[in-house]
């Protein structure tokens, strides 16, 4: 019976193809969550609102009339942060609302001061129009900028993809 359950879970994971990126940093998971919530320090965006507590709302702007409205939908200290995109405008694409109702998920696992962080953009899959641009963007923002902010206190910024 256990083999069947594991096989089903494995098959379900194989079907899921949301964008995911992982890093590990020498920082406590609680401190990492505080830094993740300080978006302007690692994500090259304009930020208004607050992302520190559950149910906080905030807006991210990239350029022009683009915007992303988000809510902290779930916050488990030291473990997980989930941001739900409640509305957006991505003027560079034909589907300007393609991030609406997607989730930005940060799962953390603290191993004696080394925190493993897995970021998943649930709903950002290869069949979404912006996937290639968003994939390279998220890879930079997580692997390079957030990692640098977590380890050195300063994010590494770059020009937007769009």
N, C-alpha and C. Protein backbone atom coordinates (compact mmCIF):
# COMPACT_ATOMS: atom_id res chain seq x y z
N UNK A 1 0.82 -1.19 0.00
CA UNK A 1 0.00 0.00 0.00
C UNK A 1 0.86 1.26 0.00
N UNK A 2 1.94 1.28 0.77
CA UNK A 2 2.81 2.45 0.83
C UNK A 2 3.44 2.72 -0.54
N UNK A 3 3.78 1.66 -1.24
CA UNK A 3 4.39 1.83 -2.55
C UNK A 3 3.42 2.51 -3.51
N UNK A 4 2.16 2.13 -3.46
CA UNK A 4 1.16 2.73 -4.34
C UNK A 4 0.98 4.21 -4.01
N UNK A 5 0.91 4.55 -2.73
CA UNK A 5 0.75 5.94 -2.32
C UNK A 5 1.96 6.76 -2.78
N UNK A 6 3.15 6.25 -2.55
CA UNK A 6 4.36 6.97 -2.98
C UNK A 6 4.38 7.14 -4.49
N UNK A 7 3.99 6.13 -5.22
CA UNK A 7 3.95 6.22 -6.68
C UNK A 7 2.95 7.27 -7.13
N UNK A 8 1.79 7.31 -6.49
CA UNK A 8 0.80 8.33 -6.83
C UNK A 8 1.32 9.72 -6.52
N UNK A 9 1.96 9.89 -5.36
CA UNK A 9 2.53 11.19 -5.02
C UNK A 9 3.62 11.58 -6.01
N UNK A 10 4.44 10.63 -6.37
CA UNK A 10 5.51 10.90 -7.33
C UNK A 10 4.93 11.31 -8.68
N UNK A 11 3.90 10.61 -9.13
CA UNK A 11 3.27 10.95 -10.41
C UNK A 11 2.62 12.32 -10.35
N UNK A 12 1.98 12.64 -9.22
CA UNK A 12 1.36 13.95 -9.08
C UNK A 12 2.42 15.05 -9.16
N UNK A 13 3.56 14.85 -8.50
CA UNK A 13 4.64 15.82 -8.55
C UNK A 13 5.18 15.96 -9.96
N UNK A 14 5.22 14.88 -10.70
CA UNK A 14 5.72 14.94 -12.07
C UNK A 14 4.79 15.77 -12.95
N UNK A 15 3.50 15.77 -12.66
CA UNK A 15 2.54 16.54 -13.43
C UNK A 15 2.67 18.03 -13.11
N UNK A 16 2.96 18.35 -11.86
CA UNK A 16 3.13 19.75 -11.44
C UNK A 16 4.37 20.31 -12.12
N UNK A 17 4.22 21.44 -12.80
CA UNK A 17 5.39 22.04 -13.43
C UNK A 17 5.44 23.55 -13.19
N UNK A 18 5.04 23.96 -11.98
CA UNK A 18 5.16 25.35 -11.58
C UNK A 18 6.64 25.71 -11.49
N UNK A 19 6.96 26.97 -11.74
CA UNK A 19 8.35 27.41 -11.62
C UNK A 19 8.80 27.25 -10.17
N UNK A 20 9.99 26.68 -9.99
CA UNK A 20 10.58 26.48 -8.67
C UNK A 20 12.07 26.80 -8.72
N UNK A 21 12.56 27.40 -7.65
CA UNK A 21 13.99 27.70 -7.52
C UNK A 21 14.37 27.53 -6.06
N UNK A 22 15.53 26.94 -5.79
CA UNK A 22 15.96 26.69 -4.41
C UNK A 22 17.35 27.25 -4.15
N UNK A 23 17.53 27.72 -2.91
CA UNK A 23 18.84 28.18 -2.44
C UNK A 23 19.01 27.73 -1.00
N UNK A 24 20.25 27.75 -0.52
CA UNK A 24 20.56 27.52 0.88
C UNK A 24 21.47 28.65 1.34
N UNK A 25 21.22 29.14 2.55
CA UNK A 25 22.01 30.25 3.08
C UNK A 25 22.21 30.08 4.58
N UNK A 26 23.34 30.56 5.07
CA UNK A 26 23.64 30.51 6.49
C UNK A 26 22.92 31.66 7.19
N UNK A 27 21.66 31.40 7.52
CA UNK A 27 20.79 32.36 8.17
C UNK A 27 19.66 31.56 8.80
N UNK A 28 19.13 32.02 9.92
CA UNK A 28 18.00 31.30 10.51
C UNK A 28 16.77 31.48 9.62
N UNK A 29 15.87 30.53 9.67
CA UNK A 29 14.65 30.61 8.86
C UNK A 29 13.81 31.82 9.26
N UNK A 30 13.76 32.13 10.55
CA UNK A 30 13.00 33.29 11.01
C UNK A 30 13.57 34.59 10.45
N UNK A 31 14.89 34.71 10.47
CA UNK A 31 15.54 35.91 9.92
C UNK A 31 15.34 35.96 8.40
N UNK A 32 15.39 34.81 7.73
CA UNK A 32 15.17 34.76 6.28
C UNK A 32 13.78 35.27 5.93
N UNK A 33 12.77 34.88 6.70
CA UNK A 33 11.41 35.34 6.43
C UNK A 33 11.31 36.86 6.59
N UNK A 34 11.97 37.41 7.60
CA UNK A 34 11.97 38.87 7.77
C UNK A 34 12.58 39.54 6.54
N UNK A 35 13.66 38.98 6.03
CA UNK A 35 14.33 39.58 4.87
C UNK A 35 13.51 39.39 3.59
N UNK A 36 12.88 38.24 3.43
CA UNK A 36 12.02 38.01 2.26
C UNK A 36 10.93 39.07 2.22
N UNK A 37 10.39 39.41 3.39
CA UNK A 37 9.30 40.39 3.48
C UNK A 37 9.73 41.82 3.18
N UNK A 38 11.02 42.05 3.10
CA UNK A 38 11.58 43.37 2.80
C UNK A 38 11.92 43.43 1.30
N UNK A 39 10.90 43.32 0.48
CA UNK A 39 11.05 43.16 -0.97
C UNK A 39 11.97 44.16 -1.66
N UNK A 40 11.90 45.47 -1.36
CA UNK A 40 12.73 46.43 -2.10
C UNK A 40 14.23 46.17 -1.97
N UNK A 41 14.63 45.40 -0.96
CA UNK A 41 16.05 45.13 -0.75
C UNK A 41 16.59 44.02 -1.66
N UNK A 42 15.69 43.22 -2.27
CA UNK A 42 16.18 42.13 -3.11
C UNK A 42 15.47 42.01 -4.46
N UNK A 43 14.28 42.61 -4.61
CA UNK A 43 13.53 42.51 -5.86
C UNK A 43 13.46 43.91 -6.45
N UNK A 44 13.93 44.08 -7.67
CA UNK A 44 14.05 45.40 -8.28
C UNK A 44 12.70 45.98 -8.70
N UNK A 45 11.95 46.41 -7.71
CA UNK A 45 10.58 46.88 -7.95
C UNK A 45 10.29 48.10 -7.09
N UNK A 46 9.18 48.76 -7.38
CA UNK A 46 8.64 49.79 -6.50
C UNK A 46 7.61 49.10 -5.62
N UNK A 47 7.65 49.39 -4.33
CA UNK A 47 6.86 48.64 -3.35
C UNK A 47 6.08 49.60 -2.46
N UNK A 48 4.78 49.32 -2.28
CA UNK A 48 3.98 50.04 -1.29
C UNK A 48 3.19 49.02 -0.48
N UNK A 49 2.94 49.35 0.79
CA UNK A 49 2.20 48.44 1.66
C UNK A 49 3.14 47.73 2.61
N UNK A 50 2.70 46.57 3.08
CA UNK A 50 3.50 45.78 4.01
C UNK A 50 3.35 44.30 3.67
N UNK A 51 4.45 43.54 3.82
CA UNK A 51 4.44 42.10 3.56
C UNK A 51 4.94 41.32 4.78
N UNK A 52 4.80 41.91 5.97
CA UNK A 52 5.39 41.32 7.17
C UNK A 52 4.48 40.38 7.93
N UNK A 53 3.16 40.60 7.85
CA UNK A 53 2.22 39.82 8.66
C UNK A 53 1.13 39.20 7.79
N UNK A 54 0.54 38.12 8.29
CA UNK A 54 -0.56 37.49 7.55
C UNK A 54 -1.66 38.53 7.33
N UNK A 55 -2.24 38.51 6.15
CA UNK A 55 -3.29 39.41 5.68
C UNK A 55 -2.80 40.80 5.31
N UNK A 56 -1.49 41.10 5.45
CA UNK A 56 -0.95 42.36 4.94
C UNK A 56 -1.15 42.39 3.43
N UNK A 57 -1.38 43.57 2.89
CA UNK A 57 -1.49 43.74 1.44
C UNK A 57 -0.40 44.67 0.97
N UNK A 58 0.04 44.43 -0.26
CA UNK A 58 1.08 45.28 -0.83
C UNK A 58 0.97 45.28 -2.35
N UNK A 59 1.59 46.29 -2.94
CA UNK A 59 1.59 46.44 -4.39
C UNK A 59 3.03 46.54 -4.87
N UNK A 60 3.29 45.82 -5.94
CA UNK A 60 4.58 45.83 -6.60
C UNK A 60 4.38 46.45 -7.97
N UNK A 61 5.26 47.38 -8.33
CA UNK A 61 5.24 47.97 -9.67
C UNK A 61 6.60 47.79 -10.29
N UNK A 62 6.60 47.46 -11.59
CA UNK A 62 7.87 47.26 -12.29
C UNK A 62 8.19 48.47 -13.17
N UNK A 63 7.38 48.69 -14.18
CA UNK A 63 7.60 49.85 -15.05
C UNK A 63 6.27 50.23 -15.69
N UNK A 64 6.19 51.47 -16.15
CA UNK A 64 4.97 51.92 -16.81
C UNK A 64 3.75 51.72 -15.93
N UNK A 65 2.68 51.20 -16.54
CA UNK A 65 1.44 50.99 -15.78
C UNK A 65 1.28 49.54 -15.30
N UNK A 66 2.40 48.84 -15.18
CA UNK A 66 2.34 47.48 -14.63
C UNK A 66 2.12 47.56 -13.12
N UNK A 67 1.41 46.57 -12.58
CA UNK A 67 1.26 46.46 -11.13
C UNK A 67 0.87 45.04 -10.78
N UNK A 68 1.17 44.69 -9.52
CA UNK A 68 0.81 43.40 -8.95
C UNK A 68 0.33 43.66 -7.53
N UNK A 69 -0.94 43.38 -7.26
CA UNK A 69 -1.48 43.52 -5.91
C UNK A 69 -1.42 42.14 -5.25
N UNK A 70 -0.87 42.10 -4.05
CA UNK A 70 -0.69 40.84 -3.35
C UNK A 70 -1.18 40.93 -1.92
N UNK A 71 -1.47 39.77 -1.35
CA UNK A 71 -1.82 39.64 0.06
C UNK A 71 -0.97 38.52 0.65
N UNK A 72 -0.54 38.71 1.89
CA UNK A 72 0.16 37.63 2.60
C UNK A 72 -0.94 36.65 3.02
N UNK A 73 -1.11 35.61 2.22
CA UNK A 73 -2.22 34.67 2.42
C UNK A 73 -1.92 33.65 3.51
N UNK A 74 -0.64 33.37 3.73
CA UNK A 74 -0.26 32.38 4.73
C UNK A 74 1.12 32.73 5.24
N UNK A 75 1.28 32.70 6.55
CA UNK A 75 2.57 32.96 7.17
C UNK A 75 2.74 32.02 8.35
N UNK A 76 3.69 31.12 8.23
CA UNK A 76 4.04 30.22 9.33
C UNK A 76 5.48 30.57 9.70
N UNK A 77 5.67 31.28 10.82
CA UNK A 77 7.01 31.74 11.18
C UNK A 77 8.06 30.64 11.10
N UNK A 78 9.16 30.95 10.41
CA UNK A 78 10.26 30.01 10.29
C UNK A 78 10.03 28.88 9.31
N UNK A 79 8.85 28.84 8.68
CA UNK A 79 8.52 27.71 7.80
C UNK A 79 8.05 28.10 6.40
N UNK A 80 7.11 29.06 6.33
CA UNK A 80 6.46 29.29 5.03
C UNK A 80 5.84 30.68 4.96
N UNK A 81 5.95 31.26 3.76
CA UNK A 81 5.26 32.50 3.43
C UNK A 81 4.59 32.28 2.08
N UNK A 82 3.31 32.64 1.98
CA UNK A 82 2.58 32.53 0.72
C UNK A 82 1.97 33.89 0.41
N UNK A 83 2.31 34.41 -0.77
CA UNK A 83 1.70 35.64 -1.26
C UNK A 83 0.76 35.29 -2.40
N UNK A 84 -0.47 35.73 -2.32
CA UNK A 84 -1.46 35.53 -3.38
C UNK A 84 -1.55 36.80 -4.22
N UNK A 85 -1.43 36.66 -5.53
CA UNK A 85 -1.60 37.80 -6.43
C UNK A 85 -3.10 37.97 -6.64
N UNK A 86 -3.65 39.07 -6.12
CA UNK A 86 -5.09 39.30 -6.20
C UNK A 86 -5.50 40.03 -7.47
N UNK A 87 -4.58 40.80 -8.04
CA UNK A 87 -4.84 41.51 -9.30
C UNK A 87 -3.50 41.91 -9.89
N UNK A 88 -3.47 42.12 -11.19
CA UNK A 88 -2.23 42.55 -11.83
C UNK A 88 -2.51 43.14 -13.19
N UNK A 89 -1.52 43.84 -13.69
CA UNK A 89 -1.53 44.33 -15.06
C UNK A 89 -0.13 44.16 -15.62
N UNK A 90 -0.01 43.29 -16.61
CA UNK A 90 1.26 43.02 -17.28
C UNK A 90 1.12 43.50 -18.73
N UNK A 91 1.33 44.79 -18.98
CA UNK A 91 1.02 45.37 -20.28
C UNK A 91 1.86 44.84 -21.43
N UNK A 92 2.92 44.10 -21.13
CA UNK A 92 3.81 43.58 -22.16
C UNK A 92 3.25 42.35 -22.85
N UNK A 93 2.19 41.77 -22.32
CA UNK A 93 1.66 40.50 -22.83
C UNK A 93 0.21 40.64 -23.24
N UNK A 94 -0.25 39.74 -24.11
CA UNK A 94 -1.65 39.78 -24.51
C UNK A 94 -2.57 39.44 -23.34
N UNK A 95 -2.16 38.50 -22.48
CA UNK A 95 -2.91 38.19 -21.26
C UNK A 95 -2.30 39.01 -20.13
N UNK A 96 -2.88 40.16 -19.90
CA UNK A 96 -2.33 41.11 -18.93
C UNK A 96 -2.56 40.68 -17.47
N UNK A 97 -3.41 39.70 -17.28
CA UNK A 97 -3.78 39.25 -15.93
C UNK A 97 -3.22 37.86 -15.61
N UNK A 98 -2.21 37.41 -16.34
CA UNK A 98 -1.78 36.02 -16.20
C UNK A 98 -1.20 35.65 -14.83
N UNK A 99 -0.81 36.61 -14.02
CA UNK A 99 -0.38 36.30 -12.66
C UNK A 99 -1.53 36.33 -11.67
N UNK A 100 -2.69 36.83 -12.04
CA UNK A 100 -3.82 36.91 -11.11
C UNK A 100 -4.16 35.51 -10.59
N UNK A 101 -4.36 35.41 -9.28
CA UNK A 101 -4.69 34.16 -8.59
C UNK A 101 -3.55 33.14 -8.58
N UNK A 102 -2.34 33.58 -8.89
CA UNK A 102 -1.18 32.70 -8.71
C UNK A 102 -0.60 32.98 -7.32
N UNK A 103 0.25 32.08 -6.86
CA UNK A 103 0.83 32.21 -5.52
C UNK A 103 2.35 32.20 -5.60
N UNK A 104 2.97 33.07 -4.82
CA UNK A 104 4.42 33.09 -4.66
C UNK A 104 4.69 32.47 -3.29
N UNK A 105 5.32 31.30 -3.30
CA UNK A 105 5.45 30.50 -2.09
C UNK A 105 6.93 30.35 -1.72
N UNK A 106 7.23 30.66 -0.48
CA UNK A 106 8.58 30.49 0.06
C UNK A 106 8.49 29.45 1.17
N UNK A 107 9.05 28.27 0.93
CA UNK A 107 9.10 27.22 1.94
C UNK A 107 10.52 27.17 2.49
N UNK A 108 10.63 27.16 3.82
CA UNK A 108 11.94 27.20 4.46
C UNK A 108 12.12 26.02 5.40
N UNK A 109 13.36 25.53 5.45
CA UNK A 109 13.72 24.45 6.35
C UNK A 109 15.05 24.82 7.01
N UNK A 110 15.02 25.01 8.32
CA UNK A 110 16.21 25.42 9.07
C UNK A 110 16.96 24.18 9.54
N UNK A 111 18.19 24.03 9.08
CA UNK A 111 19.05 22.92 9.49
C UNK A 111 20.26 23.48 10.23
N UNK A 112 20.11 23.70 11.53
CA UNK A 112 21.22 24.20 12.37
C UNK A 112 21.89 25.44 11.80
N UNK A 113 21.08 26.43 11.44
CA UNK A 113 21.63 27.69 10.95
C UNK A 113 21.80 27.78 9.46
N UNK A 114 21.62 26.68 8.75
CA UNK A 114 21.64 26.68 7.29
C UNK A 114 20.19 26.52 6.85
N UNK A 115 19.65 27.56 6.24
CA UNK A 115 18.25 27.51 5.83
C UNK A 115 18.16 27.16 4.35
N UNK A 116 17.39 26.13 4.09
CA UNK A 116 17.08 25.74 2.72
C UNK A 116 15.77 26.40 2.35
N UNK A 117 15.78 27.17 1.27
CA UNK A 117 14.61 27.91 0.83
C UNK A 117 14.20 27.41 -0.54
N UNK A 118 12.95 27.05 -0.68
CA UNK A 118 12.40 26.68 -1.98
C UNK A 118 11.31 27.67 -2.34
N UNK A 119 11.51 28.36 -3.46
CA UNK A 119 10.53 29.31 -3.96
C UNK A 119 9.75 28.62 -5.07
N UNK A 120 8.43 28.72 -5.01
CA UNK A 120 7.56 28.19 -6.07
C UNK A 120 6.60 29.29 -6.49
N UNK A 121 6.52 29.53 -7.79
CA UNK A 121 5.47 30.42 -8.30
C UNK A 121 4.38 29.51 -8.83
N UNK A 122 3.42 29.21 -7.96
CA UNK A 122 2.33 28.29 -8.29
C UNK A 122 1.41 28.95 -9.32
N UNK A 123 1.30 28.33 -10.47
CA UNK A 123 0.50 28.88 -11.56
C UNK A 123 1.36 29.40 -12.70
N UNK A 124 2.67 29.56 -12.45
CA UNK A 124 3.60 29.95 -13.51
C UNK A 124 4.17 28.66 -14.10
N UNK A 125 3.59 28.26 -15.21
CA UNK A 125 3.97 27.01 -15.87
C UNK A 125 4.41 27.31 -17.30
N UNK A 126 5.11 26.38 -17.95
CA UNK A 126 5.63 26.63 -19.29
C UNK A 126 4.58 27.03 -20.33
N UNK A 127 3.31 26.74 -20.09
CA UNK A 127 2.28 27.11 -21.06
C UNK A 127 1.77 28.54 -20.87
N UNK A 128 2.25 29.24 -19.85
CA UNK A 128 1.86 30.63 -19.60
C UNK A 128 2.72 31.54 -20.49
N UNK A 129 2.08 32.53 -21.08
CA UNK A 129 2.75 33.41 -22.06
C UNK A 129 4.06 34.01 -21.55
N UNK A 130 4.10 34.42 -20.30
CA UNK A 130 5.29 35.11 -19.78
C UNK A 130 6.35 34.16 -19.24
N UNK A 131 6.15 32.85 -19.36
CA UNK A 131 7.02 31.90 -18.65
C UNK A 131 8.51 32.13 -18.89
N UNK A 132 8.93 32.26 -20.13
CA UNK A 132 10.38 32.40 -20.40
C UNK A 132 10.96 33.65 -19.75
N UNK A 133 10.25 34.77 -19.87
CA UNK A 133 10.73 36.00 -19.24
C UNK A 133 10.70 35.87 -17.72
N UNK A 134 9.61 35.33 -17.19
CA UNK A 134 9.47 35.19 -15.74
C UNK A 134 10.47 34.17 -15.18
N UNK A 135 10.72 33.11 -15.92
CA UNK A 135 11.69 32.11 -15.48
C UNK A 135 13.07 32.74 -15.31
N UNK A 136 13.52 33.51 -16.29
CA UNK A 136 14.84 34.14 -16.16
C UNK A 136 14.82 35.21 -15.07
N UNK A 137 13.70 35.93 -14.96
CA UNK A 137 13.59 36.94 -13.91
C UNK A 137 13.64 36.32 -12.54
N UNK A 138 12.78 35.32 -12.27
CA UNK A 138 12.75 34.69 -10.95
C UNK A 138 14.08 34.01 -10.64
N UNK A 139 14.69 33.40 -11.63
CA UNK A 139 15.99 32.75 -11.39
C UNK A 139 16.98 33.79 -10.87
N UNK A 140 17.02 34.95 -11.49
CA UNK A 140 17.91 36.01 -11.01
C UNK A 140 17.51 36.47 -9.61
N UNK A 141 16.23 36.80 -9.42
CA UNK A 141 15.80 37.40 -8.15
C UNK A 141 15.98 36.44 -6.98
N UNK A 142 15.81 35.14 -7.20
CA UNK A 142 15.97 34.17 -6.11
C UNK A 142 17.44 33.74 -5.98
N UNK A 143 18.01 33.21 -7.07
CA UNK A 143 19.36 32.63 -7.02
C UNK A 143 20.46 33.67 -6.77
N UNK A 144 20.28 34.86 -7.30
CA UNK A 144 21.33 35.87 -7.19
C UNK A 144 21.00 36.94 -6.17
N UNK A 145 19.89 37.66 -6.37
CA UNK A 145 19.61 38.82 -5.54
C UNK A 145 19.16 38.45 -4.12
N UNK A 146 18.16 37.58 -3.99
CA UNK A 146 17.72 37.19 -2.65
C UNK A 146 18.84 36.47 -1.91
N UNK A 147 19.54 35.58 -2.59
CA UNK A 147 20.66 34.87 -1.96
C UNK A 147 21.68 35.87 -1.43
N UNK A 148 22.04 36.87 -2.24
CA UNK A 148 23.00 37.89 -1.82
C UNK A 148 22.46 38.68 -0.62
N UNK A 149 21.19 39.04 -0.66
CA UNK A 149 20.60 39.79 0.45
C UNK A 149 20.60 38.96 1.74
N UNK A 150 20.30 37.67 1.62
CA UNK A 150 20.29 36.81 2.81
C UNK A 150 21.69 36.62 3.39
N UNK A 151 22.70 36.57 2.51
CA UNK A 151 24.05 36.26 2.98
C UNK A 151 24.93 37.50 3.20
N UNK A 152 24.71 38.55 2.42
CA UNK A 152 25.57 39.74 2.50
C UNK A 152 24.84 41.02 2.87
N UNK A 153 23.50 40.96 2.96
CA UNK A 153 22.74 42.14 3.33
C UNK A 153 22.43 43.09 2.21
N UNK A 154 22.77 42.70 0.95
CA UNK A 154 22.50 43.58 -0.18
C UNK A 154 22.10 42.76 -1.40
N UNK A 155 20.94 43.10 -1.99
CA UNK A 155 20.49 42.42 -3.19
C UNK A 155 21.29 42.87 -4.40
N UNK A 156 21.22 42.10 -5.47
CA UNK A 156 21.91 42.42 -6.73
C UNK A 156 20.85 42.69 -7.78
N UNK A 157 20.76 43.93 -8.19
CA UNK A 157 19.67 44.36 -9.08
C UNK A 157 20.09 44.29 -10.54
N UNK A 158 19.09 44.21 -11.40
CA UNK A 158 19.29 44.20 -12.85
C UNK A 158 18.11 44.85 -13.50
N UNK A 159 18.26 45.17 -14.77
CA UNK A 159 17.14 45.78 -15.52
C UNK A 159 16.02 44.75 -15.67
N UNK A 160 14.76 45.20 -15.67
CA UNK A 160 13.64 44.26 -15.87
C UNK A 160 13.73 43.58 -17.23
N UNK A 161 13.18 42.35 -17.28
CA UNK A 161 13.14 41.60 -18.54
C UNK A 161 12.25 42.30 -19.55
N UNK A 162 11.13 42.83 -19.08
CA UNK A 162 10.17 43.55 -19.94
C UNK A 162 9.99 44.94 -19.41
